[in-house]
């Protein structure tokens, strides 16, 4: 993995400085693939476009802004000029719900935001210690209610005619505890090269496991 230059932006609301990393090259070493369709590539990371200002909490898209400066990671002289710039981060669950409820980034499709919410809840399972018992992605009952609502609203935004989205629908059904629907949907995949994937989904359903699992 070879880091690319840093790009400097100004918050469109308060002019706070933000810094975004980039990548010159990478590879798929250490790739992790999960049942909800999320991939983790340590040597080929993604960088946020939809982010928020750490000073005023305004949410915005970096791709809608023009960067005001740049520097290479090894250039200490130029780096010092932008030393007060905040590193941009991905949004968290609360931020994504703000996007839905307050109308930020209107040109971003609802399916994208709801998928990020789903994945963010799954991250609480994905990154937990393997030795923890009774792991749950919810902080309380109300948190589970809005998670369930998001899953139920995400399903009709996906298409059974798209293979990747069919798999996501099956996974959402499994997460919701609808194991029969999950098995029915996943069994309609006729590509024999994906029999290994079908077996994983069916076995997890038979075990009564609702939560995200690593595939490869």
N, C-alpha and C. Protein backbone atom coordinates (compact mmCIF):
# COMPACT_ATOMS: atom_id res chain seq x y z
N UNK A 1 0.84 -1.19 0.00
CA UNK A 1 0.00 0.00 0.00
C UNK A 1 0.88 1.25 0.00
N UNK A 2 0.57 2.18 -0.90
CA UNK A 2 1.33 3.42 -0.99
C UNK A 2 0.40 4.60 -0.80
N UNK A 3 0.59 5.36 0.30
CA UNK A 3 -0.30 6.51 0.54
C UNK A 3 -0.16 7.56 -0.55
N UNK A 4 -1.27 8.21 -0.83
CA UNK A 4 -1.28 9.33 -1.76
C UNK A 4 -1.26 10.64 -0.99
N UNK A 5 -1.46 11.76 -1.66
CA UNK A 5 -1.43 13.05 -0.98
C UNK A 5 -2.64 13.27 -0.08
N UNK A 6 -2.50 14.19 0.84
CA UNK A 6 -3.61 14.65 1.66
C UNK A 6 -4.26 15.85 0.96
N UNK A 7 -5.58 15.93 1.05
CA UNK A 7 -6.31 17.03 0.46
C UNK A 7 -6.99 17.83 1.58
N UNK A 8 -6.91 19.14 1.48
CA UNK A 8 -7.44 20.03 2.50
C UNK A 8 -8.72 20.69 1.99
N UNK A 9 -9.75 20.69 2.85
CA UNK A 9 -11.04 21.29 2.53
C UNK A 9 -11.44 22.25 3.64
N UNK A 10 -12.39 23.11 3.32
CA UNK A 10 -13.00 23.97 4.33
C UNK A 10 -14.45 23.55 4.53
N UNK A 11 -14.87 23.47 5.78
CA UNK A 11 -16.27 23.21 6.07
C UNK A 11 -17.12 24.31 5.40
N UNK A 12 -18.17 23.94 4.66
CA UNK A 12 -18.99 24.96 3.99
C UNK A 12 -19.81 25.81 4.94
N UNK A 13 -19.85 25.42 6.23
CA UNK A 13 -20.66 26.18 7.18
C UNK A 13 -19.81 27.10 8.06
N UNK A 14 -18.66 26.59 8.54
CA UNK A 14 -17.89 27.39 9.50
C UNK A 14 -16.43 27.61 9.10
N UNK A 15 -16.03 27.11 7.94
CA UNK A 15 -14.66 27.28 7.42
C UNK A 15 -13.61 26.52 8.22
N UNK A 16 -14.02 25.60 9.08
CA UNK A 16 -13.06 24.74 9.77
C UNK A 16 -12.31 23.91 8.73
N UNK A 17 -11.02 23.68 8.95
CA UNK A 17 -10.21 22.93 8.00
C UNK A 17 -10.32 21.43 8.23
N UNK A 18 -10.39 20.68 7.13
CA UNK A 18 -10.47 19.23 7.19
C UNK A 18 -9.45 18.62 6.25
N UNK A 19 -8.95 17.45 6.63
CA UNK A 19 -7.91 16.77 5.87
C UNK A 19 -8.39 15.37 5.47
N UNK A 20 -8.29 15.08 4.17
CA UNK A 20 -8.69 13.77 3.66
C UNK A 20 -7.48 13.03 3.10
N UNK A 21 -7.29 11.79 3.52
CA UNK A 21 -6.21 10.96 3.00
C UNK A 21 -6.57 10.44 1.61
N UNK A 22 -5.58 9.91 0.92
CA UNK A 22 -5.82 9.26 -0.38
C UNK A 22 -4.82 8.12 -0.53
N UNK A 23 -4.93 7.42 -1.64
CA UNK A 23 -4.11 6.22 -1.85
C UNK A 23 -3.57 6.24 -3.27
N UNK A 24 -2.28 6.01 -3.42
CA UNK A 24 -1.67 5.88 -4.74
C UNK A 24 -1.85 4.48 -5.29
N UNK A 25 -1.67 3.48 -4.43
CA UNK A 25 -1.84 2.08 -4.85
C UNK A 25 -2.11 1.22 -3.63
N UNK A 26 -2.70 0.06 -3.87
CA UNK A 26 -3.00 -0.84 -2.78
C UNK A 26 -3.17 -2.25 -3.30
N UNK A 27 -3.57 -3.16 -2.43
CA UNK A 27 -3.79 -4.54 -2.83
C UNK A 27 -4.86 -5.15 -1.93
N UNK A 28 -5.24 -6.37 -2.21
CA UNK A 28 -6.33 -7.01 -1.46
C UNK A 28 -5.83 -7.99 -0.40
N UNK A 29 -4.57 -7.89 -0.01
CA UNK A 29 -4.06 -8.73 1.07
C UNK A 29 -4.88 -8.49 2.35
N UNK A 30 -5.26 -9.56 2.99
CA UNK A 30 -6.03 -9.44 4.21
C UNK A 30 -7.50 -9.15 3.99
N UNK A 31 -7.98 -9.30 2.76
CA UNK A 31 -9.39 -9.03 2.43
C UNK A 31 -10.31 -9.88 3.29
N UNK A 32 -11.35 -9.26 3.84
CA UNK A 32 -12.39 -9.96 4.60
C UNK A 32 -13.73 -9.65 3.94
N UNK A 33 -14.50 -10.71 3.66
CA UNK A 33 -15.81 -10.57 3.02
C UNK A 33 -16.86 -11.05 4.01
N UNK A 34 -17.94 -10.27 4.18
CA UNK A 34 -18.96 -10.60 5.16
C UNK A 34 -20.31 -10.85 4.50
N UNK A 35 -21.17 -11.52 5.24
CA UNK A 35 -22.45 -11.95 4.70
C UNK A 35 -23.39 -10.80 4.35
N UNK A 36 -23.15 -9.60 4.89
CA UNK A 36 -23.99 -8.45 4.55
C UNK A 36 -23.47 -7.68 3.33
N UNK A 37 -22.42 -8.21 2.70
CA UNK A 37 -21.89 -7.58 1.50
C UNK A 37 -20.78 -6.59 1.74
N UNK A 38 -20.45 -6.34 3.00
CA UNK A 38 -19.36 -5.40 3.29
C UNK A 38 -18.02 -6.11 3.18
N UNK A 39 -17.06 -5.45 2.53
CA UNK A 39 -15.70 -5.95 2.43
C UNK A 39 -14.77 -5.05 3.22
N UNK A 40 -13.82 -5.65 3.90
CA UNK A 40 -12.79 -4.89 4.62
C UNK A 40 -11.46 -5.21 3.98
N UNK A 41 -10.79 -4.16 3.46
CA UNK A 41 -9.52 -4.32 2.76
C UNK A 41 -8.47 -3.45 3.45
N UNK A 42 -7.73 -4.04 4.38
CA UNK A 42 -6.75 -3.25 5.14
C UNK A 42 -5.72 -2.55 4.27
N UNK A 43 -5.36 -3.18 3.14
CA UNK A 43 -4.33 -2.62 2.26
C UNK A 43 -4.92 -1.83 1.09
N UNK A 44 -6.25 -1.67 1.09
CA UNK A 44 -6.91 -0.90 0.04
C UNK A 44 -8.12 -0.19 0.66
N UNK A 45 -7.87 0.67 1.65
CA UNK A 45 -8.97 1.28 2.40
C UNK A 45 -9.74 2.30 1.58
N UNK A 46 -10.99 2.50 1.99
CA UNK A 46 -11.82 3.54 1.41
C UNK A 46 -11.73 4.79 2.29
N UNK A 47 -11.99 5.94 1.70
CA UNK A 47 -11.97 7.20 2.44
C UNK A 47 -13.33 7.87 2.31
N UNK A 48 -13.79 8.54 3.34
CA UNK A 48 -15.15 9.09 3.31
C UNK A 48 -15.33 10.22 2.32
N UNK A 49 -16.51 10.24 1.73
CA UNK A 49 -16.96 11.38 0.94
C UNK A 49 -18.02 12.13 1.75
N UNK A 50 -18.99 11.40 2.26
CA UNK A 50 -19.99 11.98 3.14
C UNK A 50 -19.41 12.01 4.55
N UNK A 51 -19.25 13.21 5.10
CA UNK A 51 -18.59 13.36 6.40
C UNK A 51 -19.22 14.52 7.15
N UNK A 52 -18.65 14.86 8.30
CA UNK A 52 -19.17 16.00 9.05
C UNK A 52 -18.03 16.80 9.65
N UNK A 53 -18.30 18.04 9.88
CA UNK A 53 -17.32 18.94 10.51
C UNK A 53 -17.29 18.65 12.00
N UNK A 54 -16.10 18.48 12.55
CA UNK A 54 -15.97 18.19 13.97
C UNK A 54 -16.18 19.43 14.84
N UNK A 55 -16.22 20.59 14.20
CA UNK A 55 -16.42 21.83 14.95
C UNK A 55 -17.89 22.20 15.05
N UNK A 56 -18.63 22.14 13.92
CA UNK A 56 -20.02 22.59 13.92
C UNK A 56 -21.02 21.48 13.64
N UNK A 57 -20.53 20.26 13.37
CA UNK A 57 -21.38 19.08 13.13
C UNK A 57 -22.19 19.14 11.83
N UNK A 58 -21.85 20.05 10.94
CA UNK A 58 -22.51 20.09 9.64
C UNK A 58 -22.09 18.87 8.82
N UNK A 59 -23.07 18.21 8.19
CA UNK A 59 -22.80 17.06 7.34
C UNK A 59 -22.78 17.51 5.88
N UNK A 60 -21.81 17.04 5.13
CA UNK A 60 -21.68 17.45 3.73
C UNK A 60 -20.86 16.43 2.96
N UNK A 61 -20.87 16.58 1.64
CA UNK A 61 -20.08 15.73 0.75
C UNK A 61 -18.82 16.47 0.33
N UNK A 62 -17.69 15.83 0.50
CA UNK A 62 -16.43 16.44 0.07
C UNK A 62 -16.38 16.59 -1.44
N UNK A 63 -17.02 15.65 -2.16
CA UNK A 63 -16.98 15.71 -3.62
C UNK A 63 -17.72 16.93 -4.17
N UNK A 64 -18.50 17.59 -3.32
CA UNK A 64 -19.21 18.80 -3.74
C UNK A 64 -18.37 20.05 -3.49
N UNK A 65 -17.23 19.86 -2.84
CA UNK A 65 -16.35 20.99 -2.53
C UNK A 65 -15.08 20.91 -3.37
N UNK A 66 -14.39 22.02 -3.46
CA UNK A 66 -13.09 22.06 -4.12
C UNK A 66 -12.02 22.15 -3.04
N UNK A 67 -11.03 21.26 -3.13
CA UNK A 67 -10.00 21.30 -2.09
C UNK A 67 -9.18 22.58 -2.24
N UNK A 68 -8.73 23.09 -1.08
CA UNK A 68 -8.03 24.37 -1.06
C UNK A 68 -6.52 24.20 -0.91
N UNK A 69 -6.10 22.97 -0.74
CA UNK A 69 -4.67 22.71 -0.59
C UNK A 69 -4.38 21.23 -0.61
N UNK A 70 -3.12 20.88 -0.75
CA UNK A 70 -2.72 19.49 -0.75
C UNK A 70 -1.26 19.38 -0.31
N UNK A 71 -0.91 18.24 0.23
CA UNK A 71 0.50 18.00 0.56
C UNK A 71 0.76 16.51 0.58
N UNK A 72 2.00 16.14 0.33
CA UNK A 72 2.40 14.73 0.37
C UNK A 72 2.69 14.31 1.81
N UNK A 73 2.47 13.05 2.09
CA UNK A 73 2.60 12.57 3.47
C UNK A 73 4.02 12.73 4.01
N UNK A 74 5.00 12.76 3.09
CA UNK A 74 6.39 12.88 3.53
C UNK A 74 6.87 14.33 3.60
N UNK A 75 6.03 15.30 3.20
CA UNK A 75 6.44 16.71 3.10
C UNK A 75 6.15 17.44 4.41
N UNK A 76 7.08 17.37 5.35
CA UNK A 76 6.87 17.97 6.67
C UNK A 76 6.72 19.50 6.59
N UNK A 77 7.40 20.11 5.64
CA UNK A 77 7.34 21.57 5.53
C UNK A 77 5.93 22.04 5.19
N UNK A 78 5.32 21.42 4.17
CA UNK A 78 3.97 21.81 3.78
C UNK A 78 2.95 21.32 4.79
N UNK A 79 3.22 20.15 5.37
CA UNK A 79 2.31 19.57 6.36
C UNK A 79 2.07 20.52 7.53
N UNK A 80 3.10 21.24 7.94
CA UNK A 80 2.97 22.13 9.09
C UNK A 80 1.98 23.26 8.82
N UNK A 81 1.79 23.59 7.56
CA UNK A 81 0.85 24.66 7.20
C UNK A 81 -0.58 24.26 7.52
N UNK A 82 -0.85 22.94 7.44
CA UNK A 82 -2.21 22.44 7.62
C UNK A 82 -2.33 21.61 8.90
N UNK A 83 -1.48 21.88 9.89
CA UNK A 83 -1.42 21.03 11.08
C UNK A 83 -2.71 21.08 11.90
N UNK A 84 -3.50 22.11 11.74
CA UNK A 84 -4.73 22.23 12.52
C UNK A 84 -5.95 21.62 11.82
N UNK A 85 -5.75 21.05 10.64
CA UNK A 85 -6.87 20.46 9.90
C UNK A 85 -7.30 19.15 10.56
N UNK A 86 -8.59 18.97 10.73
CA UNK A 86 -9.13 17.73 11.31
C UNK A 86 -9.17 16.63 10.25
N UNK A 87 -8.80 15.42 10.64
CA UNK A 87 -8.92 14.27 9.74
C UNK A 87 -10.40 13.95 9.54
N UNK A 88 -10.83 13.80 8.29
CA UNK A 88 -12.24 13.48 8.04
C UNK A 88 -12.50 12.03 8.40
N UNK A 89 -13.69 11.76 8.92
CA UNK A 89 -14.08 10.42 9.33
C UNK A 89 -15.40 10.04 8.66
N UNK A 90 -15.67 8.74 8.65
CA UNK A 90 -16.97 8.27 8.21
C UNK A 90 -18.02 8.67 9.25
N UNK A 91 -19.26 8.80 8.82
CA UNK A 91 -20.34 9.10 9.74
C UNK A 91 -20.63 7.90 10.64
N UNK A 92 -21.24 8.17 11.79
CA UNK A 92 -21.68 7.08 12.65
C UNK A 92 -23.19 6.90 12.49
N UNK A 93 -23.76 5.98 13.24
CA UNK A 93 -25.19 5.66 13.10
C UNK A 93 -26.06 6.89 13.30
N UNK A 94 -25.77 7.65 14.35
CA UNK A 94 -26.59 8.84 14.63
C UNK A 94 -26.52 9.84 13.49
N UNK A 95 -25.34 9.99 12.91
CA UNK A 95 -25.17 10.92 11.79
C UNK A 95 -26.00 10.48 10.59
N UNK A 96 -25.98 9.17 10.29
CA UNK A 96 -26.74 8.69 9.14
C UNK A 96 -28.24 8.89 9.33
N UNK A 97 -28.71 8.71 10.55
CA UNK A 97 -30.12 8.99 10.81
C UNK A 97 -30.41 10.48 10.66
N UNK A 98 -29.45 11.32 11.01
CA UNK A 98 -29.61 12.76 10.77
C UNK A 98 -29.75 13.05 9.28
N UNK A 99 -28.96 12.36 8.47
CA UNK A 99 -29.04 12.56 7.02
C UNK A 99 -30.45 12.25 6.53
N UNK A 100 -31.03 11.15 7.04
CA UNK A 100 -32.38 10.77 6.63
C UNK A 100 -33.43 11.75 7.15
N UNK A 101 -33.28 12.16 8.40
CA UNK A 101 -34.33 12.94 9.05
C UNK A 101 -34.25 14.43 8.79
N UNK A 102 -33.03 14.93 8.51
CA UNK A 102 -32.85 16.38 8.37
C UNK A 102 -32.55 16.81 6.95
N UNK A 103 -32.47 15.84 6.01
CA UNK A 103 -32.36 16.21 4.61
C UNK A 103 -30.99 16.61 4.13
N UNK A 104 -29.93 16.21 4.83
CA UNK A 104 -28.59 16.47 4.33
C UNK A 104 -28.35 15.65 3.07
N UNK A 105 -27.47 16.15 2.19
CA UNK A 105 -27.03 15.39 1.01
C UNK A 105 -28.23 14.82 0.25
N UNK A 106 -29.09 15.69 -0.22
CA UNK A 106 -30.34 15.27 -0.85
C UNK A 106 -30.14 14.42 -2.11
N UNK A 107 -28.99 14.56 -2.78
CA UNK A 107 -28.78 13.81 -4.01
C UNK A 107 -28.23 12.41 -3.76
N UNK A 108 -27.97 12.05 -2.50
CA UNK A 108 -27.53 10.70 -2.19
C UNK A 108 -28.76 9.83 -2.01
N UNK A 109 -28.77 8.69 -2.66
CA UNK A 109 -29.95 7.83 -2.64
C UNK A 109 -30.19 7.26 -1.24
N UNK A 110 -31.46 7.12 -0.92
CA UNK A 110 -31.87 6.59 0.38
C UNK A 110 -31.29 5.20 0.62
N UNK A 111 -31.22 4.39 -0.45
CA UNK A 111 -30.72 3.03 -0.28
C UNK A 111 -29.29 3.04 0.23
N UNK A 112 -28.48 4.00 -0.20
CA UNK A 112 -27.09 4.09 0.26
C UNK A 112 -27.04 4.38 1.76
N UNK A 113 -27.83 5.35 2.20
CA UNK A 113 -27.81 5.74 3.61
C UNK A 113 -28.30 4.60 4.49
N UNK A 114 -29.38 3.96 4.08
CA UNK A 114 -29.94 2.87 4.90
C UNK A 114 -28.98 1.67 4.93
N UNK A 115 -28.25 1.45 3.85
CA UNK A 115 -27.27 0.37 3.85
C UNK A 115 -26.12 0.69 4.82
N UNK A 116 -25.70 1.96 4.85
CA UNK A 116 -24.64 2.35 5.77
C UNK A 116 -25.08 2.17 7.22
N UNK A 117 -26.34 2.49 7.51
CA UNK A 117 -26.87 2.28 8.86
C UNK A 117 -26.84 0.80 9.21
N UNK A 118 -27.31 -0.03 8.30
CA UNK A 118 -27.31 -1.49 8.50
C UNK A 118 -25.90 -1.99 8.78
N UNK A 119 -24.96 -1.58 7.94
CA UNK A 119 -23.58 -2.02 8.12
C UNK A 119 -22.99 -1.51 9.43
N UNK A 120 -23.35 -0.29 9.82
CA UNK A 120 -22.81 0.28 11.05
C UNK A 120 -23.29 -0.51 12.27
N UNK A 121 -24.55 -0.93 12.26
CA UNK A 121 -25.02 -1.81 13.34
C UNK A 121 -24.27 -3.13 13.31
N UNK A 122 -24.09 -3.68 12.12
CA UNK A 122 -23.36 -4.95 12.00
C UNK A 122 -21.91 -4.83 12.45
N UNK A 123 -21.34 -3.64 12.32
CA UNK A 123 -19.96 -3.42 12.77
C UNK A 123 -19.82 -3.70 14.26
N UNK A 124 -20.88 -3.50 15.00
CA UNK A 124 -20.84 -3.76 16.44
C UNK A 124 -20.67 -5.25 16.72
N UNK A 125 -21.09 -6.08 15.76
CA UNK A 125 -20.86 -7.52 15.84
C UNK A 125 -19.52 -7.86 15.19
N UNK A 126 -19.28 -7.23 14.06
CA UNK A 126 -18.11 -7.53 13.23
C UNK A 126 -16.80 -7.29 13.98
N UNK A 127 -16.75 -6.23 14.78
CA UNK A 127 -15.50 -5.84 15.43
C UNK A 127 -15.45 -6.21 16.92
N UNK A 128 -16.44 -6.97 17.39
CA UNK A 128 -16.42 -7.31 18.80
C UNK A 128 -15.42 -8.44 19.05
N UNK A 129 -15.05 -8.59 20.30
CA UNK A 129 -14.15 -9.67 20.67
C UNK A 129 -14.82 -11.02 20.46
N UNK A 130 -14.09 -11.96 19.88
CA UNK A 130 -14.64 -13.29 19.62
C UNK A 130 -14.95 -14.04 20.91
N UNK A 131 -14.44 -13.56 22.03
CA UNK A 131 -14.66 -14.25 23.30
C UNK A 131 -15.88 -13.71 24.04
N UNK A 132 -16.48 -12.63 23.52
CA UNK A 132 -17.65 -12.06 24.18
C UNK A 132 -18.87 -12.95 23.99
N UNK A 133 -19.68 -13.06 25.05
CA UNK A 133 -20.91 -13.84 24.98
C UNK A 133 -22.11 -12.90 24.86
N UNK A 134 -23.18 -13.43 24.25
CA UNK A 134 -24.44 -12.67 24.14
C UNK A 134 -24.22 -11.28 23.53
N UNK A 135 -23.46 -11.24 22.45
CA UNK A 135 -23.19 -9.98 21.78
C UNK A 135 -24.46 -9.48 21.09
N UNK A 136 -24.74 -8.21 21.21
CA UNK A 136 -25.89 -7.61 20.56
C UNK A 136 -25.47 -6.28 19.93
N UNK A 137 -26.05 -5.90 18.80
CA UNK A 137 -25.70 -4.61 18.20
C UNK A 137 -26.50 -3.44 18.75
N UNK A 138 -27.33 -3.68 19.75
CA UNK A 138 -28.24 -2.64 20.23
C UNK A 138 -27.83 -2.14 21.61
N UNK A 139 -28.00 -0.84 21.81
CA UNK A 139 -27.68 -0.27 23.12
C UNK A 139 -28.89 -0.31 24.05
N UNK A 140 -30.10 -0.34 23.47
CA UNK A 140 -31.32 -0.45 24.27
C UNK A 140 -32.47 -0.86 23.36
N UNK A 141 -33.66 -0.97 23.92
CA UNK A 141 -34.82 -1.43 23.16
C UNK A 141 -35.19 -0.46 22.03
N UNK A 142 -35.10 0.84 22.29
CA UNK A 142 -35.42 1.81 21.25
C UNK A 142 -34.45 1.74 20.09
N UNK A 143 -33.20 1.43 20.40
CA UNK A 143 -32.19 1.28 19.36
C UNK A 143 -32.54 0.10 18.45
N UNK A 144 -33.02 -0.97 19.04
CA UNK A 144 -33.43 -2.13 18.24
C UNK A 144 -34.64 -1.81 17.38
N UNK A 145 -35.56 -1.02 17.90
CA UNK A 145 -36.76 -0.65 17.13
C UNK A 145 -36.38 0.11 15.88
N UNK A 146 -35.50 1.08 16.01
CA UNK A 146 -35.15 1.87 14.82
C UNK A 146 -34.26 1.07 13.87
N UNK A 147 -33.45 0.14 14.40
CA UNK A 147 -32.69 -0.78 13.53
C UNK A 147 -33.64 -1.61 12.70
N UNK A 148 -34.65 -2.19 13.35
CA UNK A 148 -35.61 -3.04 12.64
C UNK A 148 -36.36 -2.23 11.58
N UNK A 149 -36.74 -1.02 11.94
CA UNK A 149 -37.44 -0.15 10.98
C UNK A 149 -36.55 0.14 9.77
N UNK A 150 -35.27 0.39 10.02
CA UNK A 150 -34.36 0.65 8.91
C UNK A 150 -34.22 -0.57 8.00
N UNK A 151 -34.09 -1.76 8.60
CA UNK A 151 -33.98 -2.99 7.80
C UNK A 151 -35.23 -3.18 6.94
N UNK A 152 -36.39 -2.99 7.54
CA UNK A 152 -37.64 -3.19 6.80
C UNK A 152 -37.84 -2.16 5.69
N UNK A 153 -37.27 -0.98 5.86
CA UNK A 153 -37.37 0.04 4.81
C UNK A 153 -36.29 -0.15 3.74
N UNK A 154 -35.19 -0.82 4.11
CA UNK A 154 -34.13 -1.07 3.14
C UNK A 154 -34.52 -2.18 2.16
N UNK A 155 -35.20 -3.21 2.63
CA UNK A 155 -35.52 -4.37 1.79
C UNK A 155 -36.22 -3.98 0.49
N UNK A 156 -37.29 -3.18 0.51
CA UNK A 156 -37.95 -2.84 -0.75
C UNK A 156 -37.14 -1.91 -1.66
N UNK A 157 -36.06 -1.36 -1.16
CA UNK A 157 -35.19 -0.52 -2.00
C UNK A 157 -34.19 -1.37 -2.78
N UNK A 158 -34.12 -2.67 -2.46
CA UNK A 158 -33.22 -3.60 -3.14
C UNK A 158 -34.01 -4.46 -4.11
N UNK A 159 -33.31 -5.04 -5.08
CA UNK A 159 -33.98 -5.82 -6.13
C UNK A 159 -33.57 -7.29 -6.07
N UNK A 160 -34.55 -8.18 -6.15
CA UNK A 160 -34.27 -9.61 -6.21
C UNK A 160 -33.63 -10.00 -7.54
N UNK A 161 -33.72 -9.12 -8.54
CA UNK A 161 -33.17 -9.42 -9.86
C UNK A 161 -31.68 -9.09 -9.98
N UNK A 162 -31.16 -8.42 -8.97
CA UNK A 162 -29.73 -8.13 -8.90
C UNK A 162 -29.12 -9.13 -7.91
N UNK A 163 -28.11 -9.89 -8.34
CA UNK A 163 -27.57 -10.97 -7.51
C UNK A 163 -27.08 -10.46 -6.16
N UNK A 164 -26.26 -9.40 -6.17
CA UNK A 164 -25.72 -8.87 -4.91
C UNK A 164 -26.84 -8.40 -3.99
N UNK A 165 -27.84 -7.76 -4.57
CA UNK A 165 -28.93 -7.25 -3.75
C UNK A 165 -29.83 -8.38 -3.27
N UNK A 166 -29.99 -9.44 -4.05
CA UNK A 166 -30.74 -10.61 -3.59
C UNK A 166 -30.08 -11.20 -2.35
N UNK A 167 -28.76 -11.29 -2.38
CA UNK A 167 -28.04 -11.83 -1.23
C UNK A 167 -28.23 -10.91 -0.02
N UNK A 168 -28.23 -9.59 -0.25
CA UNK A 168 -28.45 -8.66 0.85
C UNK A 168 -29.86 -8.80 1.42
N UNK A 169 -30.85 -9.00 0.55
CA UNK A 169 -32.22 -9.19 1.04
C UNK A 169 -32.30 -10.44 1.90
N UNK A 170 -31.66 -11.52 1.43
CA UNK A 170 -31.64 -12.75 2.22
C UNK A 170 -30.99 -12.52 3.58
N UNK A 171 -29.89 -11.76 3.59
CA UNK A 171 -29.19 -11.47 4.84
C UNK A 171 -30.04 -10.62 5.76
N UNK A 172 -30.74 -9.63 5.21
CA UNK A 172 -31.63 -8.81 6.03
C UNK A 172 -32.73 -9.65 6.65
N UNK A 173 -33.27 -10.57 5.89
CA UNK A 173 -34.30 -11.47 6.41
C UNK A 173 -33.74 -12.31 7.56
N UNK A 174 -32.52 -12.79 7.38
CA UNK A 174 -31.88 -13.59 8.44
C UNK A 174 -31.65 -12.74 9.69
N UNK A 175 -31.16 -11.51 9.49
CA UNK A 175 -30.95 -10.61 10.62
C UNK A 175 -32.25 -10.35 11.39
N UNK A 176 -33.34 -10.27 10.65
CA UNK A 176 -34.64 -10.01 11.27
C UNK A 176 -35.26 -11.26 11.89
N UNK A 177 -34.60 -12.40 11.69
CA UNK A 177 -35.11 -13.65 12.24
C UNK A 177 -36.08 -14.37 11.33
N UNK A 178 -36.24 -13.89 10.09
CA UNK A 178 -37.12 -14.54 9.12
C UNK A 178 -36.33 -15.61 8.37
N UNK A 179 -36.01 -16.69 9.07
CA UNK A 179 -35.11 -17.69 8.51
C UNK A 179 -35.71 -18.41 7.30
N UNK A 180 -37.02 -18.67 7.33
CA UNK A 180 -37.65 -19.35 6.19
C UNK A 180 -37.56 -18.50 4.93
N UNK A 181 -37.82 -17.21 5.07
CA UNK A 181 -37.72 -16.31 3.91
C UNK A 181 -36.29 -16.24 3.41
N UNK A 182 -35.34 -16.19 4.33
CA UNK A 182 -33.93 -16.14 3.95
C UNK A 182 -33.57 -17.36 3.12
N UNK A 183 -33.93 -18.54 3.61
CA UNK A 183 -33.60 -19.78 2.89
C UNK A 183 -34.27 -19.81 1.53
N UNK A 184 -35.54 -19.42 1.48
CA UNK A 184 -36.27 -19.42 0.21
C UNK A 184 -35.59 -18.51 -0.81
N UNK A 185 -35.20 -17.30 -0.38
CA UNK A 185 -34.59 -16.33 -1.29
C UNK A 185 -33.22 -16.81 -1.75
N UNK A 186 -32.42 -17.33 -0.83
CA UNK A 186 -31.06 -17.74 -1.18
C UNK A 186 -31.07 -18.98 -2.05
N UNK A 187 -32.08 -19.85 -1.88
CA UNK A 187 -32.14 -21.07 -2.70
C UNK A 187 -32.52 -20.79 -4.15
N UNK A 188 -33.02 -19.60 -4.44
CA UNK A 188 -33.37 -19.23 -5.80
C UNK A 188 -32.16 -18.77 -6.62
N UNK A 189 -30.99 -18.81 -6.02
CA UNK A 189 -29.76 -18.53 -6.76
C UNK A 189 -29.33 -19.82 -7.43
N UNK A 190 -29.31 -19.81 -8.75
CA UNK A 190 -29.08 -21.05 -9.49
C UNK A 190 -27.63 -21.24 -9.91
N UNK A 191 -26.78 -20.28 -9.64
CA UNK A 191 -25.37 -20.38 -10.02
C UNK A 191 -24.68 -21.40 -9.10
N UNK A 192 -24.28 -22.54 -9.67
CA UNK A 192 -23.69 -23.59 -8.85
C UNK A 192 -22.38 -23.14 -8.20
N UNK A 193 -21.72 -22.14 -8.79
CA UNK A 193 -20.47 -21.64 -8.20
C UNK A 193 -20.71 -20.93 -6.87
N UNK A 194 -21.97 -20.63 -6.57
CA UNK A 194 -22.30 -19.97 -5.31
C UNK A 194 -22.94 -20.94 -4.32
N UNK A 195 -22.84 -22.22 -4.59
CA UNK A 195 -23.40 -23.21 -3.66
C UNK A 195 -22.78 -23.10 -2.27
N UNK A 196 -21.49 -22.76 -2.22
CA UNK A 196 -20.81 -22.60 -0.93
C UNK A 196 -21.45 -21.48 -0.12
N UNK A 197 -21.85 -20.40 -0.82
CA UNK A 197 -22.47 -19.27 -0.15
C UNK A 197 -23.86 -19.65 0.35
N UNK A 198 -24.62 -20.35 -0.49
CA UNK A 198 -25.95 -20.79 -0.10
C UNK A 198 -25.88 -21.69 1.13
N UNK A 199 -24.88 -22.58 1.15
CA UNK A 199 -24.72 -23.50 2.29
C UNK A 199 -24.48 -22.73 3.59
N UNK A 200 -23.67 -21.66 3.51
CA UNK A 200 -23.39 -20.87 4.70
C UNK A 200 -24.67 -20.23 5.23
N UNK A 201 -25.43 -19.60 4.34
CA UNK A 201 -26.67 -18.94 4.76
C UNK A 201 -27.65 -19.94 5.36
N UNK A 202 -27.81 -21.07 4.69
CA UNK A 202 -28.77 -22.07 5.17
C UNK A 202 -28.34 -22.63 6.51
N UNK A 203 -27.06 -22.91 6.67
CA UNK A 203 -26.56 -23.45 7.93
C UNK A 203 -26.73 -22.45 9.08
N UNK A 204 -26.46 -21.17 8.80
CA UNK A 204 -26.63 -20.17 9.84
C UNK A 204 -28.09 -20.04 10.25
N UNK A 205 -28.99 -20.16 9.26
CA UNK A 205 -30.43 -20.13 9.57
C UNK A 205 -30.82 -21.31 10.43
N UNK A 206 -30.32 -22.48 10.09
CA UNK A 206 -30.65 -23.68 10.86
C UNK A 206 -30.12 -23.60 12.28
N UNK A 207 -29.02 -22.87 12.47
CA UNK A 207 -28.47 -22.69 13.81
C UNK A 207 -29.20 -21.59 14.58
N UNK A 208 -30.05 -20.85 13.88
CA UNK A 208 -30.76 -19.75 14.52
C UNK A 208 -29.91 -18.52 14.72
N UNK A 209 -28.82 -18.42 13.97
CA UNK A 209 -27.93 -17.25 14.08
C UNK A 209 -28.44 -16.12 13.20
N UNK A 210 -28.68 -14.98 13.80
CA UNK A 210 -29.20 -13.83 13.07
C UNK A 210 -28.10 -12.89 12.59
N UNK A 211 -26.90 -13.01 13.14
CA UNK A 211 -25.94 -11.93 12.96
C UNK A 211 -24.92 -12.20 11.85
N UNK A 212 -24.28 -11.12 11.45
CA UNK A 212 -23.34 -11.13 10.34
C UNK A 212 -22.21 -12.13 10.60
N UNK A 213 -21.78 -12.81 9.53
CA UNK A 213 -20.67 -13.76 9.63
C UNK A 213 -19.67 -13.48 8.53
N UNK A 214 -18.42 -13.84 8.78
CA UNK A 214 -17.38 -13.68 7.77
C UNK A 214 -17.46 -14.85 6.81
N UNK A 215 -17.34 -14.56 5.51
CA UNK A 215 -17.48 -15.58 4.49
C UNK A 215 -16.13 -16.16 4.08
N UNK A 216 -15.17 -15.28 3.77
CA UNK A 216 -13.87 -15.76 3.33
C UNK A 216 -12.79 -14.90 3.96
